[in-house]
Protein backbone atom coordinates (compact mmCIF):
# COMPACT_ATOMS: atom_id res chain seq x y z
CA UNK A 1 0.00 0.00 0.00
CA UNK A 2 2.99 2.32 -0.24
CA UNK A 3 1.78 3.29 -3.71
CA UNK A 4 -1.05 5.40 -2.33
CA UNK A 5 1.19 7.78 -0.31
CA UNK A 6 3.56 8.02 -3.26
CA UNK A 7 0.68 8.85 -5.54
CA UNK A 8 -0.63 11.47 -3.11
CA UNK A 9 2.82 13.07 -2.90
CA UNK A 10 3.09 13.14 -6.67
CA UNK A 11 -0.32 14.75 -6.97
CA UNK A 12 0.72 17.41 -4.44
CA UNK A 13 3.86 18.14 -6.45
CA UNK A 14 1.83 18.36 -9.65
CA UNK A 15 -0.60 20.79 -8.01
CA UNK A 16 2.27 22.95 -6.83
CA UNK A 17 3.81 22.88 -10.28
CA UNK A 18 0.46 23.77 -11.81
CA UNK A 19 0.16 26.79 -9.49
CA UNK A 20 3.69 27.90 -10.43
CA UNK A 21 2.85 27.56 -14.12
CA UNK A 22 -0.32 29.63 -13.66
CA UNK A 23 1.64 32.39 -11.91
CA UNK A 24 4.32 32.29 -14.60
CA UNK A 25 1.66 32.43 -17.31
CA UNK A 26 0.02 35.45 -15.65
CA UNK A 27 3.36 37.26 -15.48
CA UNK A 28 4.10 36.45 -19.12
CA UNK A 29 0.66 37.72 -20.16
CA UNK A 30 1.35 40.99 -18.31
CA UNK A 31 4.73 41.32 -19.99
CA UNK A 32 3.19 40.57 -23.37
CA UNK A 33 0.56 43.29 -22.86
CA UNK A 34 3.25 45.78 -21.84
CA UNK A 35 5.45 44.95 -24.83
CA UNK A 36 2.45 45.05 -27.18
CA UNK A 37 1.45 48.46 -25.84
CA UNK A 38 5.01 49.70 -26.24
CA UNK A 39 5.15 48.35 -29.81
CA UNK A 40 1.87 50.06 -30.69
CA UNK A 41 3.12 53.32 -29.18
CA UNK A 42 6.36 53.09 -31.15
CA UNK A 43 4.47 52.34 -34.37
CA UNK A 44 2.30 55.38 -33.79
CA UNK A 45 5.33 57.57 -33.12
CA UNK A 46 7.02 56.20 -36.24
CA UNK A 47 3.98 56.98 -38.37
CA UNK A 48 3.87 60.51 -36.97
CA UNK A 49 7.59 60.97 -37.63
CA UNK A 50 7.18 59.68 -41.19
CA UNK A 51 4.33 62.10 -41.76
CA UNK A 52 6.46 64.99 -40.49
CA UNK A 53 9.38 63.96 -42.71
CA UNK A 54 7.08 63.62 -45.72
CA UNK A 55 5.69 67.09 -45.03
CA UNK A 56 9.22 68.50 -44.84
CA UNK A 57 10.21 66.75 -48.06
CA UNK A 58 7.15 68.17 -49.78
CA UNK A 59 8.20 71.65 -48.67
CA UNK A 60 11.67 71.32 -50.23
CA UNK A 61 12.08 73.47 -53.30
CA UNK A 62 12.31 71.66 -56.61
CA UNK A 63 15.84 71.52 -57.99
CA UNK A 64 16.67 73.57 -61.07
CA UNK A 65 17.90 70.67 -63.15
CA UNK A 66 15.57 68.12 -61.58
CA UNK A 67 14.98 64.79 -63.22
CA UNK A 68 11.67 63.05 -63.67
CA UNK A 69 13.22 60.06 -61.87
CA UNK A 70 13.58 62.09 -58.64
CA UNK A 71 9.89 61.72 -57.84
CA UNK A 72 10.00 57.97 -58.40
CA UNK A 73 13.05 57.61 -56.17
CA UNK A 74 11.45 59.69 -53.44
CA UNK A 75 8.23 57.70 -53.52
CA UNK A 76 9.96 54.33 -53.52
CA UNK A 77 12.11 55.28 -50.54
CA UNK A 78 9.00 56.21 -48.57
CA UNK A 79 7.24 52.95 -49.23
CA UNK A 80 9.97 50.81 -47.70
CA UNK A 81 8.62 49.09 -44.62
CA UNK A 82 10.89 48.08 -41.75
PDB file of N, CA and C in Angstrom:
ATOM      1  N   UNK A   1       0.811  -1.203   0.000  1.00  0.00           N
ATOM      2  CA  UNK A   1       0.000   0.000   0.000  1.00  0.00           C
ATOM      3  C   UNK A   1       0.854   1.266   0.000  1.00  0.00           C
ATOM      4  N   UNK A   2       2.143   1.125  -0.201  1.00  0.00           N
ATOM      5  CA  UNK A   2       2.989   2.320  -0.235  1.00  0.00           C
ATOM      6  C   UNK A   2       2.766   3.123  -1.509  1.00  0.00           C
ATOM      7  N   UNK A   3       2.043   2.568  -2.464  1.00  0.00           N
ATOM      8  CA  UNK A   3       1.784   3.288  -3.706  1.00  0.00           C
ATOM      9  C   UNK A   3       0.847   4.470  -3.479  1.00  0.00           C
ATOM     10  N   UNK A   4      -0.086   4.330  -2.567  1.00  0.00           N
ATOM     11  CA  UNK A   4      -1.049   5.401  -2.326  1.00  0.00           C
ATOM     12  C   UNK A   4      -0.379   6.666  -1.778  1.00  0.00           C
ATOM     13  N   UNK A   5       0.489   6.567  -0.764  1.00  0.00           N
ATOM     14  CA  UNK A   5       1.186   7.779  -0.306  1.00  0.00           C
ATOM     15  C   UNK A   5       2.091   8.379  -1.378  1.00  0.00           C
ATOM     16  N   UNK A   6       2.719   7.522  -2.170  1.00  0.00           N
ATOM     17  CA  UNK A   6       3.560   8.018  -3.262  1.00  0.00           C
ATOM     18  C   UNK A   6       2.722   8.766  -4.283  1.00  0.00           C
ATOM     19  N   UNK A   7       1.576   8.212  -4.591  1.00  0.00           N
ATOM     20  CA  UNK A   7       0.676   8.849  -5.541  1.00  0.00           C
ATOM     21  C   UNK A   7       0.172  10.187  -4.993  1.00  0.00           C
ATOM     22  N   UNK A   8      -0.167  10.224  -3.734  1.00  0.00           N
ATOM     23  CA  UNK A   8      -0.635  11.466  -3.109  1.00  0.00           C
ATOM     24  C   UNK A   8       0.465  12.530  -3.127  1.00  0.00           C
ATOM     25  N   UNK A   9       1.692  12.125  -2.867  1.00  0.00           N
ATOM     26  CA  UNK A   9       2.815  13.067  -2.898  1.00  0.00           C
ATOM     27  C   UNK A   9       3.036  13.596  -4.316  1.00  0.00           C
ATOM     28  N   UNK A  10       2.911  12.717  -5.272  1.00  0.00           N
ATOM     29  CA  UNK A  10       3.094  13.137  -6.666  1.00  0.00           C
ATOM     30  C   UNK A  10       1.996  14.115  -7.088  1.00  0.00           C
ATOM     31  N   UNK A  11       0.789  13.842  -6.658  1.00  0.00           N
ATOM     32  CA  UNK A  11      -0.323  14.749  -6.965  1.00  0.00           C
ATOM     33  C   UNK A  11      -0.071  16.112  -6.337  1.00  0.00           C
ATOM     34  N   UNK A  12       0.414  16.134  -5.113  1.00  0.00           N
ATOM     35  CA  UNK A  12       0.724  17.407  -4.445  1.00  0.00           C
ATOM     36  C   UNK A  12       1.789  18.183  -5.217  1.00  0.00           C
ATOM     37  N   UNK A  13       2.816  17.483  -5.661  1.00  0.00           N
ATOM     38  CA  UNK A  13       3.862  18.142  -6.448  1.00  0.00           C
ATOM     39  C   UNK A  13       3.308  18.682  -7.759  1.00  0.00           C
ATOM     40  N   UNK A  14       2.439  17.906  -8.399  1.00  0.00           N
ATOM     41  CA  UNK A  14       1.830  18.362  -9.650  1.00  0.00           C
ATOM     42  C   UNK A  14       0.947  19.590  -9.424  1.00  0.00           C
ATOM     43  N   UNK A  15       0.230  19.619  -8.328  1.00  0.00           N
ATOM     44  CA  UNK A  15      -0.602  20.787  -8.009  1.00  0.00           C
ATOM     45  C   UNK A  15       0.258  22.028  -7.762  1.00  0.00           C
ATOM     46  N   UNK A  16       1.360  21.837  -7.056  1.00  0.00           N
ATOM     47  CA  UNK A  16       2.271  22.954  -6.830  1.00  0.00           C
ATOM     48  C   UNK A  16       2.863  23.452  -8.144  1.00  0.00           C
ATOM     49  N   UNK A  17       3.248  22.510  -8.974  1.00  0.00           N
ATOM     50  CA  UNK A  17       3.812  22.883 -10.277  1.00  0.00           C
ATOM     51  C   UNK A  17       2.767  23.597 -11.136  1.00  0.00           C
ATOM     52  N   UNK A  18       1.539  23.125 -11.065  1.00  0.00           N
ATOM     53  CA  UNK A  18       0.455  23.773 -11.807  1.00  0.00           C
ATOM     54  C   UNK A  18       0.277  25.221 -11.338  1.00  0.00           C
ATOM     55  N   UNK A  19       0.287  25.430 -10.027  1.00  0.00           N
ATOM     56  CA  UNK A  19       0.159  26.790  -9.486  1.00  0.00           C
ATOM     57  C   UNK A  19       1.321  27.681  -9.946  1.00  0.00           C
ATOM     58  N   UNK A  20       2.528  27.137  -9.951  1.00  0.00           N
ATOM     59  CA  UNK A  20       3.688  27.896 -10.430  1.00  0.00           C
ATOM     60  C   UNK A  20       3.521  28.264 -11.907  1.00  0.00           C
ATOM     61  N   UNK A  21       3.045  27.309 -12.691  1.00  0.00           N
ATOM     62  CA  UNK A  21       2.846  27.557 -14.119  1.00  0.00           C
ATOM     63  C   UNK A  21       1.775  28.634 -14.336  1.00  0.00           C
ATOM     64  N   UNK A  22       0.728  28.612 -13.535  1.00  0.00           N
ATOM     65  CA  UNK A  22      -0.319  29.628 -13.656  1.00  0.00           C
ATOM     66  C   UNK A  22       0.241  31.013 -13.326  1.00  0.00           C
ATOM     67  N   UNK A  23       1.047  31.099 -12.272  1.00  0.00           N
ATOM     68  CA  UNK A  23       1.644  32.391 -11.910  1.00  0.00           C
ATOM     69  C   UNK A  23       2.595  32.866 -13.006  1.00  0.00           C
ATOM     70  N   UNK A  24       3.403  31.955 -13.519  1.00  0.00           N
ATOM     71  CA  UNK A  24       4.324  32.294 -14.604  1.00  0.00           C
ATOM     72  C   UNK A  24       3.549  32.764 -15.826  1.00  0.00           C
ATOM     73  N   UNK A  25       2.481  32.061 -16.155  1.00  0.00           N
ATOM     74  CA  UNK A  25       1.662  32.434 -17.306  1.00  0.00           C
ATOM     75  C   UNK A  25       1.060  33.825 -17.121  1.00  0.00           C
ATOM     76  N   UNK A  26       0.585  34.126 -15.936  1.00  0.00           N
ATOM     77  CA  UNK A  26       0.016  35.451 -15.653  1.00  0.00           C
ATOM     78  C   UNK A  26       1.073  36.535 -15.836  1.00  0.00           C
ATOM     79  N   UNK A  27       2.272  36.289 -15.324  1.00  0.00           N
ATOM     80  CA  UNK A  27       3.356  37.264 -15.483  1.00  0.00           C
ATOM     81  C   UNK A  27       3.719  37.444 -16.945  1.00  0.00           C
ATOM     82  N   UNK A  28       3.775  36.353 -17.690  1.00  0.00           N
ATOM     83  CA  UNK A  28       4.099  36.447 -19.115  1.00  0.00           C
ATOM     84  C   UNK A  28       3.009  37.193 -19.881  1.00  0.00           C
ATOM     85  N   UNK A  29       1.753  36.986 -19.518  1.00  0.00           N
ATOM     86  CA  UNK A  29       0.659  37.723 -20.162  1.00  0.00           C
ATOM     87  C   UNK A  29       0.784  39.221 -19.884  1.00  0.00           C
ATOM     88  N   UNK A  30       1.154  39.578 -18.652  1.00  0.00           N
ATOM     89  CA  UNK A  30       1.349  40.992 -18.314  1.00  0.00           C
ATOM     90  C   UNK A  30       2.499  41.584 -19.122  1.00  0.00           C
ATOM     91  N   UNK A  31       3.592  40.840 -19.214  1.00  0.00           N
ATOM     92  CA  UNK A  31       4.732  41.316 -19.990  1.00  0.00           C
ATOM     93  C   UNK A  31       4.371  41.462 -21.461  1.00  0.00           C
ATOM     94  N   UNK A  32       3.617  40.512 -21.981  1.00  0.00           N
ATOM     95  CA  UNK A  32       3.194  40.574 -23.375  1.00  0.00           C
ATOM     96  C   UNK A  32       2.327  41.807 -23.619  1.00  0.00           C
ATOM     97  N   UNK A  33       1.400  42.088 -22.712  1.00  0.00           N
ATOM     98  CA  UNK A  33       0.562  43.290 -22.857  1.00  0.00           C
ATOM     99  C   UNK A  33       1.415  44.549 -22.838  1.00  0.00           C
ATOM    100  N   UNK A  34       2.384  44.605 -21.930  1.00  0.00           N
ATOM    101  CA  UNK A  34       3.248  45.782 -21.840  1.00  0.00           C
ATOM    102  C   UNK A  34       4.068  45.956 -23.118  1.00  0.00           C
ATOM    103  N   UNK A  35       4.630  44.880 -23.613  1.00  0.00           N
ATOM    104  CA  UNK A  35       5.446  44.954 -24.831  1.00  0.00           C
ATOM    105  C   UNK A  35       4.576  45.294 -26.038  1.00  0.00           C
ATOM    106  N   UNK A  36       3.375  44.741 -26.092  1.00  0.00           N
ATOM    107  CA  UNK A  36       2.452  45.046 -27.185  1.00  0.00           C
ATOM    108  C   UNK A  36       2.061  46.521 -27.161  1.00  0.00           C
ATOM    109  N   UNK A  37       1.775  47.034 -25.970  1.00  0.00           N
ATOM    110  CA  UNK A  37       1.446  48.457 -25.845  1.00  0.00           C
ATOM    111  C   UNK A  37       2.620  49.329 -26.276  1.00  0.00           C
ATOM    112  N   UNK A  38       3.823  48.935 -25.862  1.00  0.00           N
ATOM    113  CA  UNK A  38       5.014  49.695 -26.244  1.00  0.00           C
ATOM    114  C   UNK A  38       5.210  49.658 -27.763  1.00  0.00           C
ATOM    115  N   UNK A  39       5.029  48.481 -28.365  1.00  0.00           N
ATOM    116  CA  UNK A  39       5.151  48.354 -29.814  1.00  0.00           C
ATOM    117  C   UNK A  39       4.140  49.252 -30.530  1.00  0.00           C
ATOM    118  N   UNK A  40       2.899  49.230 -30.059  1.00  0.00           N
ATOM    119  CA  UNK A  40       1.867  50.058 -30.686  1.00  0.00           C
ATOM    120  C   UNK A  40       2.203  51.542 -30.560  1.00  0.00           C
ATOM    121  N   UNK A  41       2.716  51.928 -29.398  1.00  0.00           N
ATOM    122  CA  UNK A  41       3.122  53.316 -29.183  1.00  0.00           C
ATOM    123  C   UNK A  41       4.257  53.694 -30.136  1.00  0.00           C
ATOM    124  N   UNK A  42       5.235  52.817 -30.259  1.00  0.00           N
ATOM    125  CA  UNK A  42       6.364  53.088 -31.154  1.00  0.00           C
ATOM    126  C   UNK A  42       5.919  53.157 -32.617  1.00  0.00           C
ATOM    127  N   UNK A  43       4.991  52.286 -32.999  1.00  0.00           N
ATOM    128  CA  UNK A  43       4.467  52.343 -34.370  1.00  0.00           C
ATOM    129  C   UNK A  43       3.760  53.672 -34.626  1.00  0.00           C
ATOM    130  N   UNK A  44       3.005  54.114 -33.646  1.00  0.00           N
ATOM    131  CA  UNK A  44       2.298  55.384 -33.785  1.00  0.00           C
ATOM    132  C   UNK A  44       3.286  56.539 -33.899  1.00  0.00           C
ATOM    133  N   UNK A  45       4.311  56.519 -33.056  1.00  0.00           N
ATOM    134  CA  UNK A  45       5.330  57.573 -33.120  1.00  0.00           C
ATOM    135  C   UNK A  45       6.071  57.531 -34.447  1.00  0.00           C
ATOM    136  N   UNK A  46       6.347  56.334 -34.954  1.00  0.00           N
ATOM    137  CA  UNK A  46       7.019  56.195 -36.236  1.00  0.00           C
ATOM    138  C   UNK A  46       6.159  56.756 -37.360  1.00  0.00           C
ATOM    139  N   UNK A  47       4.874  56.458 -37.334  1.00  0.00           N
ATOM    140  CA  UNK A  47       3.976  56.977 -38.371  1.00  0.00           C
ATOM    141  C   UNK A  47       3.928  58.500 -38.316  1.00  0.00           C
ATOM    142  N   UNK A  48       3.890  59.057 -37.112  1.00  0.00           N
ATOM    143  CA  UNK A  48       3.868  60.514 -36.975  1.00  0.00           C
ATOM    144  C   UNK A  48       5.181  61.116 -37.484  1.00  0.00           C
ATOM    145  N   UNK A  49       6.297  60.475 -37.169  1.00  0.00           N
ATOM    146  CA  UNK A  49       7.594  60.968 -37.635  1.00  0.00           C
ATOM    147  C   UNK A  49       7.680  60.897 -39.158  1.00  0.00           C
ATOM    148  N   UNK A  50       7.178  59.806 -39.734  1.00  0.00           N
ATOM    149  CA  UNK A  50       7.183  59.681 -41.188  1.00  0.00           C
ATOM    150  C   UNK A  50       6.340  60.781 -41.827  1.00  0.00           C
ATOM    151  N   UNK A  51       5.197  61.057 -41.215  1.00  0.00           N
ATOM    152  CA  UNK A  51       4.330  62.104 -41.759  1.00  0.00           C
ATOM    153  C   UNK A  51       5.030  63.459 -41.699  1.00  0.00           C
ATOM    154  N   UNK A  52       5.727  63.721 -40.601  1.00  0.00           N
ATOM    155  CA  UNK A  52       6.458  64.994 -40.491  1.00  0.00           C
ATOM    156  C   UNK A  52       7.573  65.080 -41.526  1.00  0.00           C
ATOM    157  N   UNK A  53       8.293  63.974 -41.715  1.00  0.00           N
ATOM    158  CA  UNK A  53       9.378  63.962 -42.709  1.00  0.00           C
ATOM    159  C   UNK A  53       8.805  64.143 -44.107  1.00  0.00           C
ATOM    160  N   UNK A  54       7.709  63.454 -44.406  1.00  0.00           N
ATOM    161  CA  UNK A  54       7.080  63.617 -45.720  1.00  0.00           C
ATOM    162  C   UNK A  54       6.650  65.065 -45.947  1.00  0.00           C
ATOM    163  N   UNK A  55       6.107  65.696 -44.904  1.00  0.00           N
ATOM    164  CA  UNK A  55       5.694  67.092 -45.029  1.00  0.00           C
ATOM    165  C   UNK A  55       6.905  67.987 -45.285  1.00  0.00           C
ATOM    166  N   UNK A  56       8.009  67.710 -44.613  1.00  0.00           N
ATOM    167  CA  UNK A  56       9.224  68.497 -44.838  1.00  0.00           C
ATOM    168  C   UNK A  56       9.762  68.277 -46.245  1.00  0.00           C
ATOM    169  N   UNK A  57       9.735  67.045 -46.700  1.00  0.00           N
ATOM    170  CA  UNK A  57      10.212  66.747 -48.055  1.00  0.00           C
ATOM    171  C   UNK A  57       9.356  67.479 -49.081  1.00  0.00           C
ATOM    172  N   UNK A  58       8.052  67.483 -48.851  1.00  0.00           N
ATOM    173  CA  UNK A  58       7.153  68.170 -49.780  1.00  0.00           C
ATOM    174  C   UNK A  58       7.402  69.671 -49.816  1.00  0.00           C
ATOM    175  N   UNK A  59       7.923  70.217 -48.737  1.00  0.00           N
ATOM    176  CA  UNK A  59       8.203  71.652 -48.674  1.00  0.00           C
ATOM    177  C   UNK A  59       9.537  72.027 -49.316  1.00  0.00           C
ATOM    178  N   UNK A  60      10.383  71.030 -49.608  1.00  0.00           N
ATOM    179  CA  UNK A  60      11.670  71.323 -50.231  1.00  0.00           C
ATOM    180  C   UNK A  60      11.440  71.913 -51.623  1.00  0.00           C
ATOM    181  N   UNK A  61      12.238  72.907 -51.961  1.00  0.00           N
ATOM    182  CA  UNK A  61      12.082  73.471 -53.303  1.00  0.00           C
ATOM    183  C   UNK A  61      12.551  72.461 -54.356  1.00  0.00           C
ATOM    184  N   UNK A  62      11.913  72.528 -55.518  1.00  0.00           N
ATOM    185  CA  UNK A  62      12.307  71.655 -56.614  1.00  0.00           C
ATOM    186  C   UNK A  62      13.664  72.104 -57.118  1.00  0.00           C
ATOM    187  N   UNK A  63      14.514  71.156 -57.494  1.00  0.00           N
ATOM    188  CA  UNK A  63      15.839  71.515 -57.991  1.00  0.00           C
ATOM    189  C   UNK A  63      15.724  72.086 -59.407  1.00  0.00           C
ATOM    190  N   UNK A  64      16.680  72.919 -59.755  1.00  0.00           N
ATOM    191  CA  UNK A  64      16.674  73.574 -61.071  1.00  0.00           C
ATOM    192  C   UNK A  64      16.770  72.565 -62.198  1.00  0.00           C
ATOM    193  N   UNK A  65      17.701  71.652 -62.095  1.00  0.00           N
ATOM    194  CA  UNK A  65      17.898  70.666 -63.148  1.00  0.00           C
ATOM    195  C   UNK A  65      17.324  69.326 -62.737  1.00  0.00           C
ATOM    196  N   UNK A  66      16.172  69.346 -62.106  1.00  0.00           N
ATOM    197  CA  UNK A  66      15.574  68.124 -61.577  1.00  0.00           C
ATOM    198  C   UNK A  66      15.251  67.130 -62.668  1.00  0.00           C
ATOM    199  N   UNK A  67      15.266  65.874 -62.283  1.00  0.00           N
ATOM    200  CA  UNK A  67      14.980  64.788 -63.215  1.00  0.00           C
ATOM    201  C   UNK A  67      13.597  64.240 -62.905  1.00  0.00           C
ATOM    202  N   UNK A  68      12.966  63.677 -63.879  1.00  0.00           N
ATOM    203  CA  UNK A  68      11.666  63.046 -63.671  1.00  0.00           C
ATOM    204  C   UNK A  68      11.805  61.847 -62.738  1.00  0.00           C
ATOM    205  N   UNK A  69      13.001  61.227 -62.706  1.00  0.00           N
ATOM    206  CA  UNK A  69      13.215  60.059 -61.866  1.00  0.00           C
ATOM    207  C   UNK A  69      13.254  60.409 -60.386  1.00  0.00           C
ATOM    208  N   UNK A  70      13.490  61.690 -60.041  1.00  0.00           N
ATOM    209  CA  UNK A  70      13.579  62.086 -58.637  1.00  0.00           C
ATOM    210  C   UNK A  70      12.296  61.756 -57.894  1.00  0.00           C
ATOM    211  N   UNK A  71      11.163  61.997 -58.505  1.00  0.00           N
ATOM    212  CA  UNK A  71       9.890  61.721 -57.838  1.00  0.00           C
ATOM    213  C   UNK A  71       9.725  60.226 -57.594  1.00  0.00           C
ATOM    214  N   UNK A  72      10.121  59.413 -58.575  1.00  0.00           N
ATOM    215  CA  UNK A  72      10.003  57.973 -58.402  1.00  0.00           C
ATOM    216  C   UNK A  72      10.912  57.479 -57.285  1.00  0.00           C
ATOM    217  N   UNK A  73      12.109  58.013 -57.203  1.00  0.00           N
ATOM    218  CA  UNK A  73      13.051  57.615 -56.170  1.00  0.00           C
ATOM    219  C   UNK A  73      12.523  58.011 -54.804  1.00  0.00           C
ATOM    220  N   UNK A  74      11.973  59.225 -54.708  1.00  0.00           N
ATOM    221  CA  UNK A  74      11.453  59.695 -53.443  1.00  0.00           C
ATOM    222  C   UNK A  74      10.287  58.819 -52.993  1.00  0.00           C
ATOM    223  N   UNK A  75       9.378  58.495 -53.885  1.00  0.00           N
ATOM    224  CA  UNK A  75       8.227  57.698 -53.519  1.00  0.00           C
ATOM    225  C   UNK A  75       8.620  56.280 -53.120  1.00  0.00           C
ATOM    226  N   UNK A  76       9.575  55.704 -53.851  1.00  0.00           N
ATOM    227  CA  UNK A  76       9.959  54.332 -53.519  1.00  0.00           C
ATOM    228  C   UNK A  76      10.683  54.276 -52.187  1.00  0.00           C
ATOM    229  N   UNK A  77      11.419  55.323 -51.828  1.00  0.00           N
ATOM    230  CA  UNK A  77      12.111  55.282 -50.535  1.00  0.00           C
ATOM    231  C   UNK A  77      11.131  55.422 -49.386  1.00  0.00           C
ATOM    232  N   UNK A  78      10.000  56.071 -49.620  1.00  0.00           N
ATOM    233  CA  UNK A  78       9.003  56.210 -48.566  1.00  0.00           C
ATOM    234  C   UNK A  78       8.230  54.930 -48.329  1.00  0.00           C
ATOM    235  N   UNK A  79       8.082  54.137 -49.359  1.00  0.00           N
ATOM    236  CA  UNK A  79       7.238  52.953 -49.234  1.00  0.00           C
ATOM    237  C   UNK A  79       7.962  51.781 -48.596  1.00  0.00           C
ATOM    238  N   UNK A  80       9.224  51.908 -48.301  1.00  0.00           N
ATOM    239  CA  UNK A  80       9.973  50.808 -47.702  1.00  0.00           C
ATOM    240  C   UNK A  80       9.506  50.627 -46.277  1.00  0.00           C
ATOM    241  N   UNK A  81       9.099  49.415 -45.964  1.00  0.00           N
ATOM    242  CA  UNK A  81       8.618  49.091 -44.621  1.00  0.00           C
ATOM    243  C   UNK A  81       9.719  48.406 -43.832  1.00  0.00           C
ATOM    244  N   UNK A  82       9.846  48.733 -42.559  1.00  0.00           N
ATOM    245  CA  UNK A  82      10.888  48.082 -41.752  1.00  0.00           C
ATOM    246  C   UNK A  82      10.579  46.626 -41.494  1.00  0.00           C
TER     247      UNK A  82
END
